[in-house]
Amino acid sequence: MLTIRLSRHWRTKKPFYRVVLTEHTKPAKSWYKSVLWSYDPLNHKLEVKVDEIKSYIANWAQVSSRLAKMIFNQTKDDIFSKFFVHNTKDRKPKKEEKK
């Protein structure tokens, strides 16, 4: 099964990720089939070929949950919302400290 996920590159304390298409059993760093674009976490800049990713999804590829969240936040497309779990729980207020 093909998976679209992030692959970390660059050097220490200067992270840079590539969005890669890879077999789900292979390591993402070295055995990818193609590079679909990139993500720079220091500048919060996600550059993705959304049309190409949609075509791979139509051909039975899966998207990792982290990448699906990032693309969904950028495009608001419902195709990516099925790959991650939406948190709908109400958060409880913190207990007040006794003085």
C-alpha atoms as a PDB file:
ATOM      1  CA  MET A   1       0.000   0.000   0.000  1.00  0.00           C
ATOM      2  CA  LEU A   2       1.345   3.428  -0.891  1.00  0.00           C
ATOM      3  CA  THR A   3       1.504   6.123   1.769  1.00  0.00           C
ATOM      4  CA  ILE A   4       1.981   9.865   1.442  1.00  0.00           C
ATOM      5  CA  ARG A   5       3.925  11.105   4.456  1.00  0.00           C
ATOM      6  CA  LEU A   6       6.621  13.444   5.725  1.00  0.00           C
ATOM      7  CA  SER A   7      10.329  12.638   5.482  1.00  0.00           C
ATOM      8  CA  ARG A   8      12.774  14.656   7.580  1.00  0.00           C
ATOM      9  CA  HIS A   9      15.910  16.032   5.944  1.00  0.00           C
ATOM     10  CA  TRP A  10      18.551  18.700   6.520  1.00  0.00           C
ATOM     11  CA  ARG A  11      20.767  19.015   9.568  1.00  0.00           C
ATOM     12  CA  THR A  12      20.554  19.297  13.350  1.00  0.00           C
ATOM     13  CA  LYS A  13      18.195  22.015  14.637  1.00  0.00           C
ATOM     14  CA  LYS A  14      17.346  23.046  11.055  1.00  0.00           C
ATOM     15  CA  PRO A  15      14.492  20.694  10.176  1.00  0.00           C
ATOM     16  CA  PHE A  16      13.015  20.452   6.730  1.00  0.00           C
ATOM     17  CA  TYR A  17      10.471  17.891   5.558  1.00  0.00           C
ATOM     18  CA  ARG A  18       9.674  16.485   2.151  1.00  0.00           C
ATOM     19  CA  VAL A  19       6.212  15.218   1.318  1.00  0.00           C
ATOM     20  CA  VAL A  20       6.959  11.824  -0.230  1.00  0.00           C
ATOM     21  CA  LEU A  21       5.082   8.917  -1.766  1.00  0.00           C
ATOM     22  CA  THR A  22       6.424   5.643  -0.387  1.00  0.00           C
ATOM     23  CA  GLU A  23       5.532   2.062   0.355  1.00  0.00           C
ATOM     24  CA  HIS A  24       4.152   1.841   3.907  1.00  0.00           C
ATOM     25  CA  THR A  25       6.684  -0.828   4.937  1.00  0.00           C
ATOM     26  CA  LYS A  26       9.755   1.099   3.750  1.00  0.00           C
ATOM     27  CA  PRO A  27      11.525   3.900   5.638  1.00  0.00           C
ATOM     28  CA  ALA A  28      10.385   7.327   4.485  1.00  0.00           C
ATOM     29  CA  LYS A  29      13.854   8.832   4.463  1.00  0.00           C
ATOM     30  CA  SER A  30      15.423   6.783   1.698  1.00  0.00           C
ATOM     31  CA  TRP A  31      12.947   4.533  -0.121  1.00  0.00           C
ATOM     32  CA  TYR A  32      10.431   7.003  -1.508  1.00  0.00           C
ATOM     33  CA  LYS A  33       9.049   6.786  -5.035  1.00  0.00           C
ATOM     34  CA  SER A  34       8.480  10.492  -5.649  1.00  0.00           C
ATOM     35  CA  VAL A  35       8.702  13.849  -3.866  1.00  0.00           C
ATOM     36  CA  LEU A  36       5.386  15.698  -3.927  1.00  0.00           C
ATOM     37  CA  TRP A  37       6.612  18.894  -2.296  1.00  0.00           C
ATOM     38  CA  SER A  38       7.962  20.243   1.003  1.00  0.00           C
ATOM     39  CA  TYR A  39       7.222  21.592   4.476  1.00  0.00           C
ATOM     40  CA  ASP A  40       9.336  24.079   6.409  1.00  0.00           C
ATOM     41  CA  PRO A  41       8.374  23.961  10.119  1.00  0.00           C
ATOM     42  CA  LEU A  42      10.536  26.930  11.092  1.00  0.00           C
ATOM     43  CA  ASN A  43       8.547  29.259   8.827  1.00  0.00           C
ATOM     44  CA  HIS A  44       5.307  27.199   8.976  1.00  0.00           C
ATOM     45  CA  LYS A  45       5.314  26.996   5.208  1.00  0.00           C
ATOM     46  CA  LEU A  46       3.624  24.013   3.552  1.00  0.00           C
ATOM     47  CA  GLU A  47       4.031  23.762  -0.203  1.00  0.00           C
ATOM     48  CA  VAL A  48       2.012  20.889  -1.648  1.00  0.00           C
ATOM     49  CA  LYS A  49       0.743  19.826  -5.057  1.00  0.00           C
ATOM     50  CA  VAL A  50      -2.823  19.171  -3.869  1.00  0.00           C
ATOM     51  CA  ASP A  51      -4.071  18.001  -7.275  1.00  0.00           C
ATOM     52  CA  GLU A  52      -1.337  15.391  -7.491  1.00  0.00           C
ATOM     53  CA  ILE A  53      -2.061  14.167  -3.959  1.00  0.00           C
ATOM     54  CA  LYS A  54      -5.770  13.889  -4.792  1.00  0.00           C
ATOM     55  CA  SER A  55      -4.943  11.784  -7.843  1.00  0.00           C
ATOM     56  CA  TYR A  56      -2.842   9.415  -5.699  1.00  0.00           C
ATOM     57  CA  ILE A  57      -5.691   9.171  -3.167  1.00  0.00           C
ATOM     58  CA  ALA A  58      -8.040   8.257  -6.009  1.00  0.00           C
ATOM     59  CA  ASN A  59      -5.578   5.476  -6.923  1.00  0.00           C
ATOM     60  CA  TRP A  60      -5.695   3.934  -3.392  1.00  0.00           C
ATOM     61  CA  ALA A  61      -2.874   5.765  -1.636  1.00  0.00           C
ATOM     62  CA  GLN A  62      -3.219   6.687   2.051  1.00  0.00           C
ATOM     63  CA  VAL A  63      -2.176   9.972   3.677  1.00  0.00           C
ATOM     64  CA  SER A  64      -0.546  10.103   7.113  1.00  0.00           C
ATOM     65  CA  SER A  65      -2.678  11.706   9.798  1.00  0.00           C
ATOM     66  CA  ARG A  66      -0.238  14.570  10.511  1.00  0.00           C
ATOM     67  CA  LEU A  67       0.045  15.502   6.848  1.00  0.00           C
ATOM     68  CA  ALA A  68      -3.716  15.200   6.352  1.00  0.00           C
ATOM     69  CA  LYS A  69      -4.297  17.662   9.227  1.00  0.00           C
ATOM     70  CA  MET A  70      -1.849  20.173   7.760  1.00  0.00           C
ATOM     71  CA  ILE A  71      -3.339  19.972   4.262  1.00  0.00           C
ATOM     72  CA  PHE A  72      -6.890  20.134   5.636  1.00  0.00           C
ATOM     73  CA  ASN A  73      -6.063  23.285   7.632  1.00  0.00           C
ATOM     74  CA  GLN A  74      -4.650  24.879   4.498  1.00  0.00           C
ATOM     75  CA  THR A  75      -7.307  23.831   1.947  1.00  0.00           C
ATOM     76  CA  LYS A  76     -10.423  22.940   4.043  1.00  0.00           C
ATOM     77  CA  ASP A  77     -11.071  20.068   1.615  1.00  0.00           C
ATOM     78  CA  ASP A  78     -13.188  17.191   3.001  1.00  0.00           C
ATOM     79  CA  ILE A  79     -11.128  14.560   1.185  1.00  0.00           C
ATOM     80  CA  PHE A  80      -8.360  14.971   3.774  1.00  0.00           C
ATOM     81  CA  SER A  81     -10.625  15.020   6.835  1.00  0.00           C
ATOM     82  CA  LYS A  82     -11.237  11.256   6.676  1.00  0.00           C
ATOM     83  CA  PHE A  83      -7.552  10.483   7.339  1.00  0.00           C
ATOM     84  CA  PHE A  84      -7.456  11.864  10.898  1.00  0.00           C
ATOM     85  CA  VAL A  85      -9.659  11.850  13.983  1.00  0.00           C
ATOM     86  CA  HIS A  86     -11.433  15.072  14.889  1.00  0.00           C
ATOM     87  CA  ASN A  87     -11.284  15.894  18.596  1.00  0.00           C
ATOM     88  CA  THR A  88     -14.807  16.704  19.716  1.00  0.00           C
ATOM     89  CA  LYS A  89     -14.428  16.188  23.449  1.00  0.00           C
ATOM     90  CA  ASP A  90     -15.222  19.133  25.665  1.00  0.00           C
ATOM     91  CA  ARG A  91     -12.314  20.028  27.834  1.00  0.00           C
ATOM     92  CA  LYS A  92     -12.903  20.210  31.538  1.00  0.00           C
ATOM     93  CA  PRO A  93     -11.879  23.429  33.251  1.00  0.00           C
ATOM     94  CA  LYS A  94      -8.827  23.223  35.425  1.00  0.00           C
ATOM     95  CA  LYS A  95      -9.370  22.848  39.138  1.00  0.00           C
ATOM     96  CA  GLU A  96      -8.866  26.027  41.083  1.00  0.00           C
ATOM     97  CA  GLU A  97      -6.104  25.902  43.597  1.00  0.00           C
ATOM     98  CA  LYS A  98      -7.090  26.210  47.245  1.00  0.00           C
ATOM     99  CA  LYS A  99      -5.426  29.012  49.134  1.00  0.00           C
END
